[in-house]
Amino acid sequence: MAALNHAGKDLLRTALIALDDAYQATTPSQRYVAAHVAALRAGAALLALRAKPARSARIRSVWQMVPGIAPELAEWCAYFEAIGRRRIFVEIGREHVTQRQADDLVRDAEAFLEQIAGILEVGLPIPSSWRCAG
């Protein structure tokens, strides 16, 4: 990660921590929320490293901005944006997710993080034990 700026390194590190939190979580809700946070931070890391500052009065989310610099991630972004709406309700306990839904999101977040690492040409220390978890 030597070629990355400080913000990008920190965001990738916190994405990995959130992904680890997802793998270590004891409830489906905790896994689901942590997995979404991991994906969000990975997207933010990409923006920190590749986005050009722009003046706009309109506030845009990570999920709206990432496809502008990495069009190949557009489907992932649409997916995670939709998940984000549900995540809020899961986080406050107004909606529940199954173990399967949580496990699927953890795997998706990991795949997204790996794809971003590939775009940024960095290796990530993703433990092989994660592949067996969930």
C-alpha atoms as a PDB file:
ATOM      1  CA  MET A   1       0.000   0.000   0.000  1.00  0.00           C
ATOM      2  CA  ALA A   2       3.042   2.253  -0.257  1.00  0.00           C
ATOM      3  CA  ALA A   3       1.789   4.174  -3.326  1.00  0.00           C
ATOM      4  CA  LEU A   4      -1.460   5.151  -1.628  1.00  0.00           C
ATOM      5  CA  ASN A   5      -2.067   8.460   0.086  1.00  0.00           C
ATOM      6  CA  HIS A   6      -2.690   8.519   3.823  1.00  0.00           C
ATOM      7  CA  ALA A   7      -6.496   8.764   3.513  1.00  0.00           C
ATOM      8  CA  GLY A   8      -6.618   5.894   1.041  1.00  0.00           C
ATOM      9  CA  LYS A   9      -4.471   3.683   3.275  1.00  0.00           C
ATOM     10  CA  ASP A  10      -6.606   4.452   6.299  1.00  0.00           C
ATOM     11  CA  LEU A  11      -9.842   3.749   4.471  1.00  0.00           C
ATOM     12  CA  LEU A  12      -8.580   0.447   3.089  1.00  0.00           C
ATOM     13  CA  ARG A  13      -7.367  -0.504   6.560  1.00  0.00           C
ATOM     14  CA  THR A  14     -10.739   0.327   8.117  1.00  0.00           C
ATOM     15  CA  ALA A  15     -12.496  -1.578   5.326  1.00  0.00           C
ATOM     16  CA  LEU A  16     -10.464  -4.651   6.239  1.00  0.00           C
ATOM     17  CA  ILE A  17     -11.215  -4.135   9.929  1.00  0.00           C
ATOM     18  CA  ALA A  18     -14.940  -3.851   9.190  1.00  0.00           C
ATOM     19  CA  LEU A  19     -14.774  -6.999   7.069  1.00  0.00           C
ATOM     20  CA  ASP A  20     -13.017  -8.797   9.902  1.00  0.00           C
ATOM     21  CA  ASP A  21     -15.728  -7.510  12.257  1.00  0.00           C
ATOM     22  CA  ALA A  22     -18.305  -9.006   9.897  1.00  0.00           C
ATOM     23  CA  TYR A  23     -16.587 -12.383   9.948  1.00  0.00           C
ATOM     24  CA  GLN A  24     -16.296 -12.287  13.746  1.00  0.00           C
ATOM     25  CA  ALA A  25     -19.840 -11.020  14.441  1.00  0.00           C
ATOM     26  CA  THR A  26     -22.115 -13.247  16.448  1.00  0.00           C
ATOM     27  CA  THR A  27     -25.467 -12.200  15.004  1.00  0.00           C
ATOM     28  CA  PRO A  28     -26.677 -11.900  11.417  1.00  0.00           C
ATOM     29  CA  SER A  29     -27.538  -8.234  11.973  1.00  0.00           C
ATOM     30  CA  GLN A  30     -24.014  -7.440  13.156  1.00  0.00           C
ATOM     31  CA  ARG A  31     -22.520  -9.317  10.197  1.00  0.00           C
ATOM     32  CA  TYR A  32     -24.792  -7.538   7.745  1.00  0.00           C
ATOM     33  CA  VAL A  33     -24.054  -4.049   9.063  1.00  0.00           C
ATOM     34  CA  ALA A  34     -20.286  -4.612   9.306  1.00  0.00           C
ATOM     35  CA  ALA A  35     -20.150  -6.058   5.788  1.00  0.00           C
ATOM     36  CA  HIS A  36     -21.910  -3.032   4.335  1.00  0.00           C
ATOM     37  CA  VAL A  37     -19.593  -0.693   6.240  1.00  0.00           C
ATOM     38  CA  ALA A  38     -16.600  -2.581   4.812  1.00  0.00           C
ATOM     39  CA  ALA A  39     -17.876  -2.090   1.265  1.00  0.00           C
ATOM     40  CA  LEU A  40     -18.633   1.579   1.916  1.00  0.00           C
ATOM     41  CA  ARG A  41     -15.128   2.223   3.229  1.00  0.00           C
ATOM     42  CA  ALA A  42     -13.576   0.387   0.295  1.00  0.00           C
ATOM     43  CA  GLY A  43     -15.525   2.604  -2.090  1.00  0.00           C
ATOM     44  CA  ALA A  44     -14.444   5.674  -0.134  1.00  0.00           C
ATOM     45  CA  ALA A  45     -10.811   4.554  -0.384  1.00  0.00           C
ATOM     46  CA  LEU A  46     -11.106   4.390  -4.158  1.00  0.00           C
ATOM     47  CA  LEU A  47     -12.578   7.885  -4.197  1.00  0.00           C
ATOM     48  CA  ALA A  48      -9.841   9.209  -1.917  1.00  0.00           C
ATOM     49  CA  LEU A  49      -7.262   7.959  -4.372  1.00  0.00           C
ATOM     50  CA  ARG A  50      -8.851   8.547  -7.757  1.00  0.00           C
ATOM     51  CA  ALA A  51     -11.568  11.191  -7.568  1.00  0.00           C
ATOM     52  CA  LYS A  52     -10.878  14.682  -8.814  1.00  0.00           C
ATOM     53  CA  PRO A  53     -12.220  17.469  -6.618  1.00  0.00           C
ATOM     54  CA  ALA A  54     -15.318  18.988  -8.152  1.00  0.00           C
ATOM     55  CA  ARG A  55     -17.472  21.884  -7.148  1.00  0.00           C
ATOM     56  CA  SER A  56     -21.042  20.853  -6.869  1.00  0.00           C
ATOM     57  CA  ALA A  57     -23.901  22.056  -4.742  1.00  0.00           C
ATOM     58  CA  ARG A  58     -25.336  18.569  -4.844  1.00  0.00           C
ATOM     59  CA  ILE A  59     -24.280  16.048  -2.224  1.00  0.00           C
ATOM     60  CA  ARG A  60     -23.588  12.616  -3.688  1.00  0.00           C
ATOM     61  CA  SER A  61     -22.970   9.317  -1.971  1.00  0.00           C
ATOM     62  CA  VAL A  62     -19.992   7.054  -2.454  1.00  0.00           C
ATOM     63  CA  TRP A  63     -22.267   4.750  -4.450  1.00  0.00           C
ATOM     64  CA  GLN A  64     -23.168   7.562  -6.842  1.00  0.00           C
ATOM     65  CA  MET A  65     -19.584   8.757  -7.280  1.00  0.00           C
ATOM     66  CA  VAL A  66     -17.601   5.527  -7.693  1.00  0.00           C
ATOM     67  CA  PRO A  67     -19.061   4.600 -11.126  1.00  0.00           C
ATOM     68  CA  GLY A  68     -17.768   7.913 -12.447  1.00  0.00           C
ATOM     69  CA  ILE A  69     -14.189   6.823 -11.847  1.00  0.00           C
ATOM     70  CA  ALA A  70     -14.623   3.052 -12.114  1.00  0.00           C
ATOM     71  CA  PRO A  71     -17.563   2.242 -14.417  1.00  0.00           C
ATOM     72  CA  GLU A  72     -16.914  -1.477 -13.999  1.00  0.00           C
ATOM     73  CA  LEU A  73     -18.164  -1.109 -10.408  1.00  0.00           C
ATOM     74  CA  ALA A  74     -21.539   0.404 -11.357  1.00  0.00           C
ATOM     75  CA  GLU A  75     -23.530  -2.766 -10.650  1.00  0.00           C
ATOM     76  CA  TRP A  76     -21.811  -3.256  -7.300  1.00  0.00           C
ATOM     77  CA  CYS A  77     -22.574   0.349  -6.404  1.00  0.00           C
ATOM     78  CA  ALA A  78     -26.257   0.034  -7.279  1.00  0.00           C
ATOM     79  CA  TYR A  79     -26.419  -3.136  -5.181  1.00  0.00           C
ATOM     80  CA  PHE A  80     -24.674  -1.645  -2.150  1.00  0.00           C
ATOM     81  CA  GLU A  81     -26.710   1.551  -2.396  1.00  0.00           C
ATOM     82  CA  ALA A  82     -29.912  -0.510  -2.185  1.00  0.00           C
ATOM     83  CA  ILE A  83     -28.475  -2.533   0.705  1.00  0.00           C
ATOM     84  CA  GLY A  84     -27.619   0.714   2.506  1.00  0.00           C
ATOM     85  CA  ARG A  85     -31.254   1.664   2.762  1.00  0.00           C
ATOM     86  CA  ARG A  86     -32.048  -1.657   4.410  1.00  0.00           C
ATOM     87  CA  ARG A  87     -28.924  -1.561   6.573  1.00  0.00           C
ATOM     88  CA  ILE A  88     -30.236   1.477   8.412  1.00  0.00           C
ATOM     89  CA  PHE A  89     -33.322  -0.442   9.513  1.00  0.00           C
ATOM     90  CA  VAL A  90     -31.264  -3.495  10.439  1.00  0.00           C
ATOM     91  CA  GLU A  91     -28.887  -1.323  12.444  1.00  0.00           C
ATOM     92  CA  ILE A  92     -31.685   0.235  14.510  1.00  0.00           C
ATOM     93  CA  GLY A  93     -33.456  -3.086  14.971  1.00  0.00           C
ATOM     94  CA  ARG A  94     -36.538  -2.354  12.870  1.00  0.00           C
ATOM     95  CA  GLU A  95     -35.734  -5.047  10.328  1.00  0.00           C
ATOM     96  CA  HIS A  96     -34.078  -8.445  10.601  1.00  0.00           C
ATOM     97  CA  VAL A  97     -31.861 -10.406   8.250  1.00  0.00           C
ATOM     98  CA  THR A  98     -31.252 -14.116   8.051  1.00  0.00           C
ATOM     99  CA  GLN A  99     -27.881 -15.755   8.528  1.00  0.00           C
ATOM    100  CA  ARG A 100     -27.860 -16.514   4.797  1.00  0.00           C
ATOM    101  CA  GLN A 101     -28.492 -12.862   3.873  1.00  0.00           C
ATOM    102  CA  ALA A 102     -25.711 -11.738   6.199  1.00  0.00           C
ATOM    103  CA  ASP A 103     -23.282 -14.359   4.887  1.00  0.00           C
ATOM    104  CA  ASP A 104     -24.053 -13.417   1.287  1.00  0.00           C
ATOM    105  CA  LEU A 105     -23.389  -9.753   2.015  1.00  0.00           C
ATOM    106  CA  VAL A 106     -20.100 -10.564   3.745  1.00  0.00           C
ATOM    107  CA  ARG A 107     -18.926 -12.500   0.684  1.00  0.00           C
ATOM    108  CA  ASP A 108     -20.084  -9.700  -1.614  1.00  0.00           C
ATOM    109  CA  ALA A 109     -18.280  -7.068   0.446  1.00  0.00           C
ATOM    110  CA  GLU A 110     -15.111  -9.141   0.356  1.00  0.00           C
ATOM    111  CA  ALA A 111     -15.344  -9.549  -3.425  1.00  0.00           C
ATOM    112  CA  PHE A 112     -15.923  -5.795  -3.808  1.00  0.00           C
ATOM    113  CA  LEU A 113     -12.935  -4.989  -1.612  1.00  0.00           C
ATOM    114  CA  GLU A 114     -10.760  -7.382  -3.604  1.00  0.00           C
ATOM    115  CA  GLN A 115     -11.901  -5.789  -6.868  1.00  0.00           C
ATOM    116  CA  ILE A 116     -11.023  -2.333  -5.567  1.00  0.00           C
ATOM    117  CA  ALA A 117      -7.626  -3.615  -4.425  1.00  0.00           C
ATOM    118  CA  GLY A 118      -7.097  -4.891  -7.965  1.00  0.00           C
ATOM    119  CA  ILE A 119      -8.018  -1.530  -9.458  1.00  0.00           C
ATOM    120  CA  LEU A 120      -5.606   0.175  -7.063  1.00  0.00           C
ATOM    121  CA  GLU A 121      -2.981  -2.516  -7.691  1.00  0.00           C
ATOM    122  CA  VAL A 122      -2.443  -3.251  -4.013  1.00  0.00           C
ATOM    123  CA  GLY A 123      -2.339  -6.520  -2.161  1.00  0.00           C
ATOM    124  CA  LEU A 124      -4.631  -6.957   0.787  1.00  0.00           C
ATOM    125  CA  PRO A 125      -3.862  -9.244   3.705  1.00  0.00           C
ATOM    126  CA  ILE A 126      -7.137 -11.171   3.521  1.00  0.00           C
ATOM    127  CA  PRO A 127      -6.868 -14.229   5.786  1.00  0.00           C
ATOM    128  CA  SER A 128      -7.647 -17.539   4.117  1.00  0.00           C
ATOM    129  CA  SER A 129      -9.734 -18.453   7.181  1.00  0.00           C
ATOM    130  CA  TRP A 130     -12.344 -15.918   6.015  1.00  0.00           C
ATOM    131  CA  ARG A 131     -13.080 -18.089   3.002  1.00  0.00           C
ATOM    132  CA  CYS A 132     -14.182 -20.894   5.322  1.00  0.00           C
ATOM    133  CA  ALA A 133     -16.188 -18.675   7.681  1.00  0.00           C
ATOM    134  CA  GLY A 134     -19.850 -17.960   7.155  1.00  0.00           C
END
